[in-house]
Amino acid sequence: MGRLGAMHPDPPLRPPAHRVDPRAVRWWQLRALVALLVLTAPQLMVLLVSGAPAALFWFPAGTVLVVGAYALVVPGLRYRIHRWEVTDEAVYTLSGWLVREWRIAPISRVQTVDTQHGPLQQLLRLATVTVTTASARGAVTIAGLDAGAAAELARSLTATTQATPGDAT
């Protein structure tokens, strides 16, 4: 029996079945490179304009090393960890690389389903599906899906939600 005397069993606790699209690794790497440009460009501009000593150029070099290492290591870790699944009962996600977050959102609590396609995602034909629930914890996000798969997931999840009794509150 489910918690609080409910007449239905709790969703099974197991890792979600599906990985994100392999192109998500490239997306995460490109995002890190954009961050690298945003961080190093101002450092270099200040150093060049101010006529600072050459020794201070270690700061942008350090930024390049740290962000470059992140771009090489973390996206692969995230790909191995990030998973998702939608069943008739719930939306499951597992994400994070340093701190892992496992979310289970019952279908009866789903309020809206949205898709996003940022510029880098559009370039790689990827999308993010955001499932807004009646939870104080916030929306459940599945990032790094193939754009076509994301559209189909949003369509099927909306249909499943509409067929599920409850008021999503």
N, C-alpha and C. Protein backbone atom coordinates (compact mmCIF):
# COMPACT_ATOMS: atom_id res chain seq x y z
N MET A 1 0.84 -1.17 0.00
CA MET A 1 0.00 0.00 0.00
C MET A 1 0.88 1.24 0.00
N GLY A 2 0.46 2.28 -0.67
CA GLY A 2 1.22 3.52 -0.74
C GLY A 2 1.22 4.26 0.59
N ARG A 3 1.95 5.32 0.66
CA ARG A 3 2.04 6.07 1.90
C ARG A 3 0.74 6.79 2.21
N LEU A 4 0.55 7.09 3.47
CA LEU A 4 -0.63 7.79 3.97
C LEU A 4 -1.92 7.06 3.62
N GLY A 5 -1.85 5.74 3.52
CA GLY A 5 -3.04 4.94 3.32
C GLY A 5 -3.62 5.00 1.93
N ALA A 6 -2.89 5.50 0.97
CA ALA A 6 -3.40 5.56 -0.40
C ALA A 6 -3.65 4.14 -0.90
N MET A 7 -4.56 4.01 -1.83
CA MET A 7 -4.94 2.70 -2.33
C MET A 7 -4.12 2.27 -3.54
N HIS A 8 -3.07 2.99 -3.87
CA HIS A 8 -2.21 2.61 -4.98
C HIS A 8 -0.79 2.50 -4.47
N PRO A 9 0.01 1.60 -5.06
CA PRO A 9 1.39 1.45 -4.59
C PRO A 9 2.24 2.64 -4.99
N ASP A 10 3.29 2.88 -4.22
CA ASP A 10 4.25 3.93 -4.55
C ASP A 10 4.98 3.55 -5.83
N PRO A 11 5.43 4.54 -6.62
CA PRO A 11 6.22 4.23 -7.82
C PRO A 11 7.48 3.46 -7.42
N PRO A 12 7.93 2.53 -8.26
CA PRO A 12 9.12 1.76 -7.91
C PRO A 12 10.36 2.66 -7.87
N LEU A 13 11.24 2.41 -6.90
CA LEU A 13 12.47 3.18 -6.79
C LEU A 13 13.57 2.43 -7.54
N ARG A 14 13.89 2.93 -8.72
CA ARG A 14 14.92 2.35 -9.56
C ARG A 14 15.45 3.45 -10.47
N PRO A 15 16.65 3.28 -10.99
CA PRO A 15 17.16 4.32 -11.90
C PRO A 15 16.29 4.43 -13.14
N PRO A 16 16.08 5.65 -13.63
CA PRO A 16 15.32 5.81 -14.88
C PRO A 16 16.00 5.07 -16.03
N ALA A 17 15.20 4.66 -17.01
CA ALA A 17 15.67 3.76 -18.06
C ALA A 17 16.45 4.42 -19.20
N HIS A 18 16.15 5.68 -19.53
CA HIS A 18 16.69 6.27 -20.76
C HIS A 18 17.82 7.26 -20.48
N ARG A 19 18.83 7.23 -21.35
CA ARG A 19 19.89 8.24 -21.32
C ARG A 19 19.47 9.41 -22.18
N VAL A 20 20.11 10.55 -21.95
CA VAL A 20 19.90 11.69 -22.84
C VAL A 20 20.62 11.39 -24.15
N ASP A 21 20.41 12.22 -25.16
CA ASP A 21 21.06 12.02 -26.45
C ASP A 21 22.57 12.19 -26.32
N PRO A 22 23.37 11.38 -27.01
CA PRO A 22 24.83 11.52 -26.94
C PRO A 22 25.34 12.90 -27.35
N ARG A 23 24.57 13.62 -28.19
CA ARG A 23 24.98 14.97 -28.58
C ARG A 23 24.97 15.95 -27.42
N ALA A 24 24.33 15.56 -26.31
CA ALA A 24 24.30 16.42 -25.12
C ALA A 24 25.72 16.66 -24.60
N VAL A 25 26.61 15.69 -24.79
CA VAL A 25 28.01 15.87 -24.37
C VAL A 25 28.61 17.06 -25.09
N ARG A 26 28.41 17.15 -26.40
CA ARG A 26 28.92 18.28 -27.19
C ARG A 26 28.28 19.59 -26.73
N TRP A 27 26.98 19.55 -26.45
CA TRP A 27 26.26 20.74 -25.97
C TRP A 27 26.87 21.25 -24.67
N TRP A 28 27.09 20.35 -23.72
CA TRP A 28 27.68 20.75 -22.44
C TRP A 28 29.10 21.28 -22.64
N GLN A 29 29.85 20.70 -23.57
CA GLN A 29 31.19 21.20 -23.85
C GLN A 29 31.14 22.60 -24.46
N LEU A 30 30.24 22.81 -25.39
CA LEU A 30 30.10 24.13 -26.01
C LEU A 30 29.67 25.18 -24.99
N ARG A 31 28.79 24.81 -24.07
CA ARG A 31 28.38 25.74 -23.01
C ARG A 31 29.58 26.11 -22.15
N ALA A 32 30.45 25.15 -21.86
CA ALA A 32 31.65 25.44 -21.07
C ALA A 32 32.58 26.37 -21.84
N LEU A 33 32.69 26.19 -23.16
CA LEU A 33 33.54 27.07 -23.96
C LEU A 33 32.98 28.49 -24.03
N VAL A 34 31.66 28.63 -24.07
CA VAL A 34 31.06 29.96 -24.01
C VAL A 34 31.38 30.60 -22.67
N ALA A 35 31.27 29.84 -21.60
CA ALA A 35 31.63 30.36 -20.27
C ALA A 35 33.10 30.77 -20.23
N LEU A 36 33.94 29.99 -20.89
CA LEU A 36 35.37 30.31 -20.95
C LEU A 36 35.58 31.67 -21.61
N LEU A 37 34.90 31.91 -22.72
CA LEU A 37 35.01 33.21 -23.40
C LEU A 37 34.51 34.35 -22.51
N VAL A 38 33.40 34.12 -21.85
CA VAL A 38 32.82 35.15 -20.98
C VAL A 38 33.75 35.47 -19.81
N LEU A 39 34.45 34.46 -19.30
CA LEU A 39 35.35 34.67 -18.16
C LEU A 39 36.71 35.25 -18.57
N THR A 40 37.26 34.77 -19.68
CA THR A 40 38.63 35.19 -20.02
C THR A 40 38.69 36.50 -20.81
N ALA A 41 37.69 36.79 -21.62
CA ALA A 41 37.73 38.02 -22.42
C ALA A 41 37.89 39.27 -21.54
N PRO A 42 37.09 39.44 -20.50
CA PRO A 42 37.29 40.64 -19.66
C PRO A 42 38.65 40.65 -18.96
N GLN A 43 39.13 39.49 -18.52
CA GLN A 43 40.44 39.43 -17.88
C GLN A 43 41.53 39.91 -18.83
N LEU A 44 41.48 39.40 -20.05
CA LEU A 44 42.49 39.79 -21.04
C LEU A 44 42.37 41.26 -21.40
N MET A 45 41.15 41.75 -21.54
CA MET A 45 40.96 43.16 -21.89
C MET A 45 41.55 44.07 -20.80
N VAL A 46 41.28 43.75 -19.55
CA VAL A 46 41.81 44.57 -18.44
C VAL A 46 43.33 44.52 -18.43
N LEU A 47 43.89 43.34 -18.62
CA LEU A 47 45.35 43.20 -18.60
C LEU A 47 46.00 43.95 -19.77
N LEU A 48 45.40 43.86 -20.93
CA LEU A 48 45.97 44.52 -22.10
C LEU A 48 45.82 46.04 -22.03
N VAL A 49 44.67 46.52 -21.61
CA VAL A 49 44.43 47.96 -21.55
C VAL A 49 45.22 48.62 -20.43
N SER A 50 45.35 47.90 -19.30
CA SER A 50 46.03 48.50 -18.15
C SER A 50 47.54 48.41 -18.24
N GLY A 51 48.05 47.66 -19.18
CA GLY A 51 49.50 47.48 -19.28
C GLY A 51 50.07 46.73 -18.09
N ALA A 52 49.31 45.79 -17.59
CA ALA A 52 49.73 45.02 -16.42
C ALA A 52 50.97 44.19 -16.73
N PRO A 53 51.72 43.84 -15.71
CA PRO A 53 52.92 43.01 -15.92
C PRO A 53 52.53 41.63 -16.48
N ALA A 54 53.45 41.05 -17.20
CA ALA A 54 53.22 39.74 -17.83
C ALA A 54 52.88 38.67 -16.81
N ALA A 55 53.34 38.80 -15.58
CA ALA A 55 53.06 37.80 -14.55
C ALA A 55 51.56 37.66 -14.28
N LEU A 56 50.80 38.72 -14.48
CA LEU A 56 49.36 38.67 -14.22
C LEU A 56 48.59 37.88 -15.29
N PHE A 57 49.25 37.57 -16.39
CA PHE A 57 48.59 36.77 -17.43
C PHE A 57 48.37 35.32 -16.97
N TRP A 58 48.88 34.97 -15.79
CA TRP A 58 48.60 33.64 -15.25
C TRP A 58 47.13 33.50 -14.85
N PHE A 59 46.45 34.62 -14.54
CA PHE A 59 45.05 34.54 -14.17
C PHE A 59 44.18 34.04 -15.32
N PRO A 60 44.23 34.65 -16.50
CA PRO A 60 43.43 34.08 -17.59
C PRO A 60 43.92 32.69 -18.00
N ALA A 61 45.23 32.44 -17.89
CA ALA A 61 45.74 31.11 -18.22
C ALA A 61 45.16 30.07 -17.26
N GLY A 62 45.07 30.43 -15.99
CA GLY A 62 44.47 29.53 -15.00
C GLY A 62 43.00 29.27 -15.29
N THR A 63 42.30 30.33 -15.71
CA THR A 63 40.89 30.18 -16.08
C THR A 63 40.75 29.22 -17.24
N VAL A 64 41.61 29.36 -18.23
CA VAL A 64 41.58 28.46 -19.39
C VAL A 64 41.82 27.02 -18.95
N LEU A 65 42.77 26.81 -18.08
CA LEU A 65 43.07 25.44 -17.61
C LEU A 65 41.90 24.83 -16.84
N VAL A 66 41.33 25.60 -15.92
CA VAL A 66 40.24 25.07 -15.09
C VAL A 66 38.99 24.80 -15.94
N VAL A 67 38.58 25.79 -16.73
CA VAL A 67 37.37 25.61 -17.54
C VAL A 67 37.61 24.58 -18.64
N GLY A 68 38.81 24.54 -19.19
CA GLY A 68 39.13 23.52 -20.20
C GLY A 68 39.07 22.11 -19.62
N ALA A 69 39.60 21.93 -18.41
CA ALA A 69 39.53 20.62 -17.76
C ALA A 69 38.07 20.24 -17.49
N TYR A 70 37.29 21.22 -17.04
CA TYR A 70 35.86 20.98 -16.82
C TYR A 70 35.20 20.52 -18.12
N ALA A 71 35.48 21.23 -19.23
CA ALA A 71 34.86 20.91 -20.52
C ALA A 71 35.25 19.52 -21.02
N LEU A 72 36.43 19.07 -20.66
CA LEU A 72 36.87 17.75 -21.10
C LEU A 72 36.33 16.61 -20.24
N VAL A 73 36.16 16.86 -18.93
CA VAL A 73 35.81 15.78 -18.00
C VAL A 73 34.32 15.73 -17.67
N VAL A 74 33.74 16.85 -17.28
CA VAL A 74 32.39 16.85 -16.71
C VAL A 74 31.30 16.43 -17.70
N PRO A 75 31.28 16.88 -18.95
CA PRO A 75 30.20 16.45 -19.84
C PRO A 75 30.10 14.93 -19.98
N GLY A 76 31.21 14.23 -20.04
CA GLY A 76 31.16 12.77 -20.11
C GLY A 76 30.58 12.16 -18.85
N LEU A 77 30.93 12.72 -17.69
CA LEU A 77 30.35 12.25 -16.43
C LEU A 77 28.85 12.48 -16.40
N ARG A 78 28.45 13.67 -16.80
CA ARG A 78 27.02 14.00 -16.81
C ARG A 78 26.26 13.04 -17.73
N TYR A 79 26.84 12.72 -18.88
CA TYR A 79 26.16 11.82 -19.81
C TYR A 79 25.95 10.44 -19.18
N ARG A 80 26.95 9.96 -18.45
CA ARG A 80 26.82 8.64 -17.83
C ARG A 80 25.78 8.63 -16.72
N ILE A 81 25.55 9.77 -16.09
CA ILE A 81 24.64 9.84 -14.95
C ILE A 81 23.22 10.22 -15.35
N HIS A 82 23.08 11.21 -16.24
CA HIS A 82 21.75 11.75 -16.55
C HIS A 82 20.86 10.71 -17.22
N ARG A 83 19.72 10.50 -16.60
CA ARG A 83 18.74 9.54 -17.12
C ARG A 83 17.34 10.09 -16.90
N TRP A 84 16.40 9.54 -17.66
CA TRP A 84 15.01 9.95 -17.53
C TRP A 84 14.09 8.81 -17.95
N GLU A 85 12.86 8.91 -17.51
CA GLU A 85 11.85 7.93 -17.91
C GLU A 85 10.47 8.49 -17.58
N VAL A 86 9.51 8.19 -18.42
CA VAL A 86 8.12 8.55 -18.16
C VAL A 86 7.30 7.28 -18.24
N THR A 87 6.52 7.02 -17.19
CA THR A 87 5.60 5.88 -17.17
C THR A 87 4.19 6.43 -17.01
N ASP A 88 3.21 5.55 -16.95
CA ASP A 88 1.83 5.97 -16.74
C ASP A 88 1.64 6.55 -15.34
N GLU A 89 2.58 6.27 -14.44
CA GLU A 89 2.46 6.72 -13.05
C GLU A 89 3.28 7.96 -12.72
N ALA A 90 4.47 8.12 -13.34
CA ALA A 90 5.37 9.19 -12.90
C ALA A 90 6.39 9.56 -13.97
N VAL A 91 7.02 10.73 -13.75
CA VAL A 91 8.16 11.20 -14.53
C VAL A 91 9.37 11.05 -13.61
N TYR A 92 10.39 10.33 -14.08
CA TYR A 92 11.59 10.08 -13.29
C TYR A 92 12.78 10.78 -13.95
N THR A 93 13.61 11.44 -13.15
CA THR A 93 14.86 11.99 -13.67
C THR A 93 15.97 11.75 -12.66
N LEU A 94 17.16 11.58 -13.18
CA LEU A 94 18.38 11.49 -12.38
C LEU A 94 19.39 12.39 -13.06
N SER A 95 19.93 13.37 -12.33
CA SER A 95 20.84 14.33 -12.94
C SER A 95 21.91 14.75 -11.94
N GLY A 96 22.86 15.53 -12.43
CA GLY A 96 23.95 16.03 -11.61
C GLY A 96 25.22 15.27 -11.88
N TRP A 97 26.32 15.81 -11.44
CA TRP A 97 27.60 15.10 -11.56
C TRP A 97 28.34 15.13 -10.24
N LEU A 98 28.29 16.22 -9.54
CA LEU A 98 28.91 16.30 -8.23
C LEU A 98 27.85 16.01 -7.17
N VAL A 99 26.73 16.69 -7.26
CA VAL A 99 25.57 16.43 -6.41
C VAL A 99 24.50 15.85 -7.32
N ARG A 100 24.07 14.65 -7.03
CA ARG A 100 23.08 13.99 -7.88
C ARG A 100 21.68 14.21 -7.33
N GLU A 101 20.76 14.47 -8.25
CA GLU A 101 19.37 14.70 -7.87
C GLU A 101 18.49 13.68 -8.57
N TRP A 102 17.69 12.97 -7.79
CA TRP A 102 16.74 11.99 -8.31
C TRP A 102 15.36 12.54 -8.03
N ARG A 103 14.59 12.79 -9.09
CA ARG A 103 13.25 13.36 -8.95
C ARG A 103 12.23 12.38 -9.48
N ILE A 104 11.13 12.27 -8.76
CA ILE A 104 9.98 11.47 -9.18
C ILE A 104 8.77 12.37 -9.04
N ALA A 105 8.10 12.64 -10.16
CA ALA A 105 6.90 13.48 -10.17
C ALA A 105 5.72 12.64 -10.62
N PRO A 106 4.76 12.40 -9.74
CA PRO A 106 3.57 11.63 -10.15
C PRO A 106 2.84 12.33 -11.30
N ILE A 107 2.36 11.55 -12.25
CA ILE A 107 1.64 12.10 -13.40
C ILE A 107 0.45 12.95 -12.95
N SER A 108 -0.21 12.56 -11.88
CA SER A 108 -1.38 13.30 -11.41
C SER A 108 -1.02 14.70 -10.91
N ARG A 109 0.28 14.98 -10.70
CA ARG A 109 0.72 16.30 -10.23
C ARG A 109 1.24 17.20 -11.36
N VAL A 110 1.30 16.67 -12.58
CA VAL A 110 1.82 17.45 -13.72
C VAL A 110 0.82 18.53 -14.11
N GLN A 111 1.33 19.76 -14.24
CA GLN A 111 0.49 20.89 -14.64
C GLN A 111 0.75 21.33 -16.07
N THR A 112 2.02 21.49 -16.45
CA THR A 112 2.36 21.89 -17.82
C THR A 112 3.58 21.12 -18.30
N VAL A 113 3.69 21.03 -19.62
CA VAL A 113 4.85 20.40 -20.26
C VAL A 113 5.35 21.38 -21.31
N ASP A 114 6.62 21.78 -21.20
CA ASP A 114 7.20 22.76 -22.12
C ASP A 114 8.46 22.19 -22.75
N THR A 115 8.80 22.68 -23.94
CA THR A 115 10.09 22.35 -24.55
C THR A 115 10.84 23.65 -24.82
N GLN A 116 12.17 23.57 -24.69
CA GLN A 116 13.04 24.71 -24.96
C GLN A 116 14.11 24.28 -25.95
N HIS A 117 14.50 25.23 -26.81
CA HIS A 117 15.57 25.00 -27.78
C HIS A 117 16.44 26.24 -27.78
N GLY A 118 17.49 26.26 -26.96
CA GLY A 118 18.42 27.39 -26.96
C GLY A 118 19.25 27.38 -28.23
N PRO A 119 20.04 28.44 -28.46
CA PRO A 119 20.82 28.53 -29.69
C PRO A 119 21.77 27.34 -29.91
N LEU A 120 22.48 26.94 -28.87
CA LEU A 120 23.39 25.80 -29.03
C LEU A 120 22.62 24.51 -29.22
N GLN A 121 21.48 24.38 -28.53
CA GLN A 121 20.65 23.20 -28.71
C GLN A 121 20.10 23.14 -30.13
N GLN A 122 19.70 24.27 -30.66
CA GLN A 122 19.20 24.29 -32.04
C GLN A 122 20.28 23.85 -33.01
N LEU A 123 21.50 24.32 -32.76
CA LEU A 123 22.63 23.95 -33.61
C LEU A 123 22.83 22.43 -33.62
N LEU A 124 22.63 21.80 -32.46
CA LEU A 124 22.86 20.35 -32.32
C LEU A 124 21.57 19.53 -32.43
N ARG A 125 20.45 20.19 -32.74
CA ARG A 125 19.14 19.52 -32.84
C ARG A 125 18.77 18.83 -31.52
N LEU A 126 18.93 19.56 -30.42
CA LEU A 126 18.59 19.08 -29.09
C LEU A 126 17.50 19.95 -28.48
N ALA A 127 16.90 19.47 -27.41
CA ALA A 127 15.87 20.23 -26.71
C ALA A 127 15.85 19.84 -25.24
N THR A 128 15.17 20.67 -24.46
CA THR A 128 14.95 20.41 -23.05
C THR A 128 13.45 20.36 -22.82
N VAL A 129 12.99 19.34 -22.10
CA VAL A 129 11.58 19.23 -21.73
C VAL A 129 11.48 19.59 -20.25
N THR A 130 10.58 20.53 -19.95
CA THR A 130 10.35 20.95 -18.56
C THR A 130 8.94 20.56 -18.18
N VAL A 131 8.83 19.78 -17.11
CA VAL A 131 7.54 19.31 -16.60
C VAL A 131 7.27 20.07 -15.30
N THR A 132 6.31 20.99 -15.36
CA THR A 132 5.95 21.76 -14.18
C THR A 132 4.91 20.97 -13.39
N THR A 133 5.17 20.88 -12.09
CA THR A 133 4.28 20.10 -11.23
C THR A 133 3.72 20.97 -10.12
N ALA A 134 2.79 20.41 -9.40
CA ALA A 134 2.22 21.09 -8.23
C ALA A 134 3.09 20.79 -7.02
N SER A 135 4.37 21.05 -7.15
CA SER A 135 5.33 20.77 -6.09
C SER A 135 6.08 22.03 -5.73
N ALA A 136 6.33 22.20 -4.45
CA ALA A 136 7.12 23.35 -4.01
C ALA A 136 8.57 23.21 -4.47
N ARG A 137 9.00 22.03 -4.79
CA ARG A 137 10.38 21.77 -5.22
C ARG A 137 10.66 22.31 -6.62
N GLY A 138 9.61 22.52 -7.39
CA GLY A 138 9.80 23.09 -8.72
C GLY A 138 9.65 22.07 -9.83
N ALA A 139 9.95 22.54 -11.03
CA ALA A 139 9.76 21.73 -12.24
C ALA A 139 10.80 20.61 -12.33
N VAL A 140 10.44 19.58 -13.08
CA VAL A 140 11.34 18.48 -13.41
C VAL A 140 11.83 18.76 -14.83
N THR A 141 13.14 18.74 -15.01
CA THR A 141 13.73 19.09 -16.31
C THR A 141 14.50 17.92 -16.88
N ILE A 142 14.27 17.66 -18.17
CA ILE A 142 15.02 16.64 -18.90
C ILE A 142 15.76 17.37 -20.01
N ALA A 143 17.05 17.59 -19.83
CA ALA A 143 17.84 18.36 -20.77
C ALA A 143 18.69 17.44 -21.64
N GLY A 144 18.91 17.86 -22.89
CA GLY A 144 19.79 17.11 -23.78
C GLY A 144 19.11 16.01 -24.57
N LEU A 145 17.82 16.19 -24.87
CA LEU A 145 17.09 15.20 -25.68
C LEU A 145 17.15 15.58 -27.15
N ASP A 146 17.09 14.59 -28.02
CA ASP A 146 16.92 14.84 -29.44
C ASP A 146 15.66 15.68 -29.61
N ALA A 147 15.69 16.69 -30.48
CA ALA A 147 14.56 17.61 -30.62
C ALA A 147 13.27 16.88 -31.00
N GLY A 148 13.35 15.91 -31.90
CA GLY A 148 12.17 15.15 -32.29
C GLY A 148 11.65 14.29 -31.15
N ALA A 149 12.57 13.67 -30.42
CA ALA A 149 12.17 12.86 -29.27
C ALA A 149 11.55 13.73 -28.18
N ALA A 150 12.07 14.95 -28.01
CA ALA A 150 11.52 15.86 -27.01
C ALA A 150 10.09 16.26 -27.37
N ALA A 151 9.86 16.54 -28.66
CA ALA A 151 8.51 16.91 -29.10
C ALA A 151 7.55 15.75 -28.89
N GLU A 152 7.98 14.55 -29.22
CA GLU A 152 7.13 13.36 -29.01
C GLU A 152 6.89 13.12 -27.53
N LEU A 153 7.92 13.30 -26.70
CA LEU A 153 7.77 13.13 -25.25
C LEU A 153 6.76 14.14 -24.71
N ALA A 154 6.85 15.39 -25.13
CA ALA A 154 5.91 16.41 -24.67
C ALA A 154 4.49 16.07 -25.10
N ARG A 155 4.34 15.60 -26.34
CA ARG A 155 3.01 15.22 -26.83
C ARG A 155 2.43 14.06 -26.03
N SER A 156 3.22 12.99 -25.86
CA SER A 156 2.70 11.80 -25.16
C SER A 156 2.49 12.07 -23.67
N LEU A 157 3.36 12.87 -23.07
CA LEU A 157 3.19 13.20 -21.66
C LEU A 157 1.94 14.06 -21.44
N THR A 158 1.68 14.96 -22.36
CA THR A 158 0.46 15.77 -22.27
C THR A 158 -0.77 14.88 -22.40
N ALA A 159 -0.75 13.94 -23.34
CA ALA A 159 -1.88 13.02 -23.52
C ALA A 159 -2.08 12.16 -22.27
N THR A 160 -0.98 11.64 -21.71
CA THR A 160 -1.08 10.82 -20.51
C THR A 160 -1.61 11.63 -19.34
N THR A 161 -1.15 12.86 -19.21
CA THR A 161 -1.60 13.73 -18.12
C THR A 161 -3.09 14.03 -18.24
N GLN A 162 -3.55 14.30 -19.45
CA GLN A 162 -4.97 14.59 -19.65
C GLN A 162 -5.84 13.39 -19.34
N ALA A 163 -5.33 12.19 -19.56
CA ALA A 163 -6.10 10.97 -19.31
C ALA A 163 -6.03 10.52 -17.85
N THR A 164 -5.21 11.18 -17.03
CA THR A 164 -5.04 10.80 -15.63
C THR A 164 -5.97 11.62 -14.76
N PRO A 165 -6.79 10.95 -13.93
CA PRO A 165 -7.67 11.70 -13.03
C PRO A 165 -6.85 12.46 -11.98
N GLY A 166 -7.40 13.57 -11.53
CA GLY A 166 -6.74 14.39 -10.53
C GLY A 166 -6.69 15.82 -11.00
N ASP A 167 -6.40 16.72 -10.06
CA ASP A 167 -6.41 18.13 -10.41
C ASP A 167 -5.04 18.76 -10.40
N ALA A 168 -3.99 17.97 -10.28
CA ALA A 168 -2.60 18.43 -10.33
C ALA A 168 -2.29 19.49 -9.28
N THR A 169 -2.93 19.38 -8.13
CA THR A 169 -2.63 20.32 -7.04
C THR A 169 -2.16 19.61 -5.81
